[in-house]
C-alpha cells in the first residue's frame, strides 16, 4: 500500500508540474496591448482603446501628447460627412481633433507612417487614426471614423499618394458621441461652428513598456 501511495503522489506531482508548465507557456504569448484613453469633451466622453501591439509608433506618440496634457483645451474642430463631401471622389465620415496649437502642431517632430497594409488595422466605424499631409508627417492631430471608410486604408483613394492613414485604435465607448459631433453645425470649410472642446484627455491604463522610452522628456 505504501508503494501505491508513493506512486500516486508522484503522479499527482507530475500532473501539477505539467499544469504549471502549461500555465507558464500561456503567459509567454502576451495579449494585445490596448491601453485606453478617455476624452472628456463638451459633447460627452469618448473612450479609445489603442493598439500598441501592431501600431507602437503611432500609439506611443499619441500617449505622449496625452500624458503631457497637450490635448487639454484642444478641440474637435472639423467634421466631414460623405453626404455633403461631394467635392471628393472618395467621400468620408470623420471628425478631426487638434491640440490648442492647431492641426499643424509643430511642437514635436512628425512620426513614421504605420500603414494599414502593415498593421492589419482598418478604417472601420470607430477607428481612430492620424491626420497627415505627406507620408511621415503626422504629429498630434487625429480623427475618428464614424462609418466604415476603406478609402482611408493603404491603397485607398482618399489621399493621392495611396499610402492611406495610420489607424491605431478604436472607440470602445462613446461612438454615439462622435456621431453626434459629426452632425453638429459646420461652415462651408467643414469647420465646426463652434468647435467641440476637449476638456481633458486621460490615460486610464498603464502605458505600455514600448512607450516608456519615447515618453521621457
Protein backbone atom coordinates (compact mmCIF):
# COMPACT_ATOMS: atom_id res chain seq x y z
CA UNK A 1 0.00 0.00 0.00
CA UNK A 2 2.84 2.34 0.83
CA UNK A 3 4.31 1.83 -2.65
CA UNK A 4 0.94 2.58 -4.26
CA UNK A 5 0.57 5.76 -2.20
CA UNK A 6 4.05 6.91 -3.23
CA UNK A 7 3.30 6.19 -6.88
CA UNK A 8 0.00 8.08 -6.66
CA UNK A 9 1.77 11.00 -5.02
CA UNK A 10 4.40 11.07 -7.76
CA UNK A 11 1.73 11.02 -10.44
CA UNK A 12 -0.06 13.89 -8.66
CA UNK A 13 3.12 15.94 -8.51
CA UNK A 14 3.81 15.28 -12.19
CA UNK A 15 0.26 16.42 -13.08
CA UNK A 16 0.67 19.64 -11.06
CA UNK A 17 4.03 20.28 -12.71
CA UNK A 18 2.52 19.75 -16.17
CA UNK A 19 -0.34 22.16 -15.46
CA UNK A 20 2.12 24.71 -14.15
CA UNK A 21 4.22 24.33 -17.28
CA UNK A 22 1.16 24.84 -19.49
CA UNK A 23 0.19 27.92 -17.50
CA UNK A 24 3.70 29.22 -17.94
CA UNK A 25 3.51 28.64 -21.69
CA UNK A 26 0.23 30.55 -21.86
CA UNK A 27 1.88 33.62 -20.33
CA UNK A 28 4.67 33.57 -22.89
CA UNK A 29 2.23 34.77 -25.57
CA UNK A 30 1.14 38.26 -24.44
CA UNK A 31 -2.33 39.57 -25.09
CA UNK A 32 -2.57 42.60 -27.40
CA UNK A 33 -1.68 45.77 -25.53
CA UNK A 34 -4.70 48.09 -25.68
CA UNK A 35 -4.35 50.99 -23.22
CA UNK A 36 -7.41 53.22 -23.01
CA UNK A 37 -7.65 57.00 -23.24
CA UNK A 38 -10.72 58.96 -22.13
CA UNK A 39 -11.54 62.17 -23.98
CA UNK A 40 -13.81 64.39 -21.90
CA UNK A 41 -15.48 66.75 -24.37
CA UNK A 42 -18.28 69.29 -24.10
CA UNK A 43 -20.41 66.86 -26.13
CA UNK A 44 -19.71 63.84 -23.91
CA UNK A 45 -16.99 61.30 -23.17
CA UNK A 46 -15.26 59.17 -25.80
CA UNK A 47 -13.01 56.29 -24.72
CA UNK A 48 -10.38 54.99 -27.11
CA UNK A 49 -8.50 51.68 -26.91
CA UNK A 50 -5.12 51.99 -28.61
CA UNK A 51 -3.29 49.11 -30.27
CA UNK A 52 0.35 49.30 -29.19
CA UNK A 53 0.92 45.72 -30.32
CA UNK A 54 0.63 46.49 -34.04
CA UNK A 55 0.95 50.30 -34.17
CA UNK A 56 3.51 51.14 -31.47
CA UNK A 57 4.93 54.30 -33.05
CA UNK A 58 1.55 55.95 -33.52
CA UNK A 59 0.18 54.73 -30.18
CA UNK A 60 3.20 55.92 -28.20
CA UNK A 61 3.17 59.27 -29.98
CA UNK A 62 -0.49 59.78 -29.09
CA UNK A 63 0.01 58.69 -25.46
CA UNK A 64 2.94 61.10 -25.22
CA UNK A 65 0.66 64.01 -26.09
CA UNK A 66 -1.98 62.71 -23.66
CA UNK A 67 0.22 62.34 -20.58
CA UNK A 68 1.73 65.80 -21.02
CA UNK A 69 -1.72 67.38 -21.22
CA UNK A 70 -1.30 68.62 -24.78
CA UNK A 71 -4.87 67.78 -25.79
CA UNK A 72 -6.39 69.53 -22.77
CA UNK A 73 -8.09 72.64 -24.08
CA UNK A 74 -7.91 71.37 -27.65
CA UNK A 75 -10.98 70.63 -29.73
CA UNK A 76 -12.76 68.61 -32.35
CA UNK A 77 -12.73 71.33 -34.99
CA UNK A 78 -13.68 69.58 -38.23
CA UNK A 79 -16.50 67.34 -39.39
CA UNK A 80 -16.72 65.55 -42.73
CA UNK A 81 -19.89 63.80 -43.84
CA UNK A 82 -20.00 61.72 -47.03
CA UNK A 83 -23.47 63.06 -47.80
CA UNK A 84 -22.09 66.58 -48.14
CA UNK A 85 -18.46 65.79 -49.03
CA UNK A 86 -19.39 65.72 -52.70
CA UNK A 87 -16.29 67.62 -53.86
CA UNK A 88 -14.19 64.47 -53.36
CA UNK A 89 -14.33 61.28 -55.40
CA UNK A 90 -13.80 59.47 -52.11
CA UNK A 91 -16.16 60.98 -49.50
CA UNK A 92 -15.50 60.12 -45.88
CA UNK A 93 -17.18 60.20 -42.45
CA UNK A 94 -14.82 61.57 -39.79
CA UNK A 95 -14.38 64.13 -37.05
CA UNK A 96 -10.94 65.65 -36.56
CA UNK A 97 -9.31 66.99 -33.39
CA UNK A 98 -6.22 69.00 -32.54
CA UNK A 99 -4.30 70.41 -29.60
CA UNK A 100 -4.76 74.10 -28.72
CA UNK A 101 -1.82 74.73 -31.07
CA UNK A 102 -3.93 73.57 -34.03
CA UNK A 103 -3.70 70.80 -36.60
CA UNK A 104 -0.27 71.96 -37.79
CA UNK A 105 1.21 71.47 -34.32
CA UNK A 106 4.99 71.70 -34.73
CA UNK A 107 5.86 71.25 -31.05
CA UNK A 108 7.23 67.74 -31.68
CA UNK A 109 8.78 66.00 -34.68
CA UNK A 110 6.47 64.13 -37.08
CA UNK A 111 6.29 60.35 -36.90
CA UNK A 112 6.76 57.49 -39.34
CA UNK A 113 3.56 56.40 -41.10
CA UNK A 114 2.41 52.97 -39.90
CA UNK A 115 0.44 51.83 -42.93
CA UNK A 116 -2.67 49.70 -42.58
CA UNK A 117 -1.01 47.32 -45.04
CA UNK A 118 1.50 46.54 -42.28
CA UNK A 119 -0.60 46.85 -39.11
CA UNK A 120 -3.68 44.98 -40.35
CA UNK A 121 -5.92 47.66 -38.84
CA UNK A 122 -8.70 49.17 -40.91
CA UNK A 123 -10.69 52.39 -41.02
CA UNK A 124 -13.95 50.83 -39.92
CA UNK A 125 -16.57 52.64 -37.85
CA UNK A 126 -14.99 53.81 -34.60
CA UNK A 127 -11.37 53.65 -35.77
CA UNK A 128 -9.04 56.36 -34.50
CA UNK A 129 -6.32 57.46 -36.90
CA UNK A 130 -3.78 60.21 -37.53
CA UNK A 131 -4.28 63.19 -39.81
CA UNK A 132 -1.37 63.94 -42.13
CA UNK A 133 -0.26 65.62 -45.34
CA UNK A 134 2.58 63.64 -46.91
CA UNK A 135 3.83 60.30 -45.57
CA UNK A 136 5.71 60.55 -42.26
CA UNK A 137 4.23 63.97 -41.48
CA UNK A 138 1.66 63.28 -38.70
CA UNK A 139 2.15 65.00 -35.36
CA UNK A 140 -0.79 65.43 -32.95
CA UNK A 141 -3.98 65.90 -34.99
CA UNK A 142 -6.15 62.79 -35.05
CA UNK A 143 -9.55 61.77 -36.33
CA UNK A 144 -12.33 59.33 -35.50
CA UNK A 145 -14.10 57.43 -38.27
CA UNK A 146 -17.87 57.30 -37.75
CA UNK A 147 -18.73 54.90 -40.60
CA UNK A 148 -16.69 52.28 -42.47
CA UNK A 149 -14.40 54.23 -44.82
CA UNK A 150 -11.99 51.92 -46.68
CA UNK A 151 -10.70 54.75 -48.89
CA UNK A 152 -8.60 55.81 -45.87
CA UNK A 153 -6.71 52.49 -45.83
CA UNK A 154 -3.47 51.75 -47.68
CA UNK A 155 -4.25 51.67 -51.38
CA UNK A 156 -7.40 53.75 -50.88
CA UNK A 157 -8.04 56.81 -52.97
CA UNK A 158 -8.68 59.46 -50.34
CA UNK A 159 -5.03 60.52 -50.25
CA UNK A 160 -3.43 60.89 -53.69
CA UNK A 161 -0.24 59.08 -52.62
CA UNK A 162 -2.23 55.88 -51.93
CA UNK A 163 -0.43 55.25 -48.65
CA UNK A 164 -3.52 55.67 -46.51
CA UNK A 165 -3.60 56.86 -42.92
CA UNK A 166 -2.31 55.33 -39.69
CA UNK A 167 -5.19 53.73 -37.79
CA UNK A 168 -4.00 52.89 -34.29
CA UNK A 169 -7.05 52.06 -32.18
CA UNK A 170 -10.80 52.26 -31.87
CA UNK A 171 -13.61 53.84 -29.89
CA UNK A 172 -14.81 51.45 -27.19
CA UNK A 173 -17.23 53.88 -25.52
CA UNK A 174 -18.94 56.96 -26.95
CA UNK A 175 -19.19 56.28 -30.68
CA UNK A 176 -22.65 57.84 -30.37
CA UNK A 177 -20.92 60.99 -29.06
CA UNK A 178 -18.59 61.05 -32.06
CA UNK A 179 -21.54 60.67 -34.43
CA UNK A 180 -23.38 63.44 -32.62
CA UNK A 181 -20.37 65.73 -33.04
CA UNK A 182 -20.29 64.87 -36.75
CA UNK A 183 -23.86 66.11 -37.14
CA UNK A 184 -23.21 69.47 -35.43
CA UNK A 185 -23.28 72.72 -37.44
CA UNK A 186 -20.29 73.42 -39.68
CA UNK A 187 -19.35 76.04 -42.25
CA UNK A 188 -18.53 75.50 -45.92
CA UNK A 189 -14.92 74.65 -44.98
CA UNK A 190 -16.10 71.73 -42.81
CA UNK A 191 -15.14 73.62 -39.64
CA UNK A 192 -17.42 73.00 -36.66
CA UNK A 193 -19.18 76.17 -35.52
CA UNK A 194 -18.40 76.23 -32.69
CA UNK A 195 -15.69 73.58 -32.18
CA UNK A 196 -16.31 70.90 -29.54
CA UNK A 197 -13.81 71.48 -26.74
CA UNK A 198 -11.70 68.69 -25.27
CA UNK A 199 -11.71 69.41 -21.56
CA UNK A 200 -9.17 66.69 -20.87
CA UNK A 201 -7.55 63.57 -22.30
CA UNK A 202 -6.52 60.99 -19.70
CA UNK A 203 -4.69 57.67 -19.90
CA UNK A 204 -6.80 55.12 -18.00
CA UNK A 205 -4.30 52.25 -18.01
CA UNK A 206 -0.57 51.87 -17.57
CA UNK A 207 1.44 52.98 -20.55
CA UNK A 208 2.84 50.01 -22.50
CA UNK A 209 6.51 49.28 -21.87
CA UNK A 210 7.24 50.00 -25.53
CA UNK A 211 6.16 53.61 -24.93
CA UNK A 212 8.18 54.38 -21.83
CA UNK A 213 11.36 55.45 -23.61
CA UNK A 214 9.57 57.69 -26.09
CA UNK A 215 7.59 59.37 -23.29
CA UNK A 216 10.66 60.52 -21.41
CA UNK A 217 11.26 64.28 -21.51
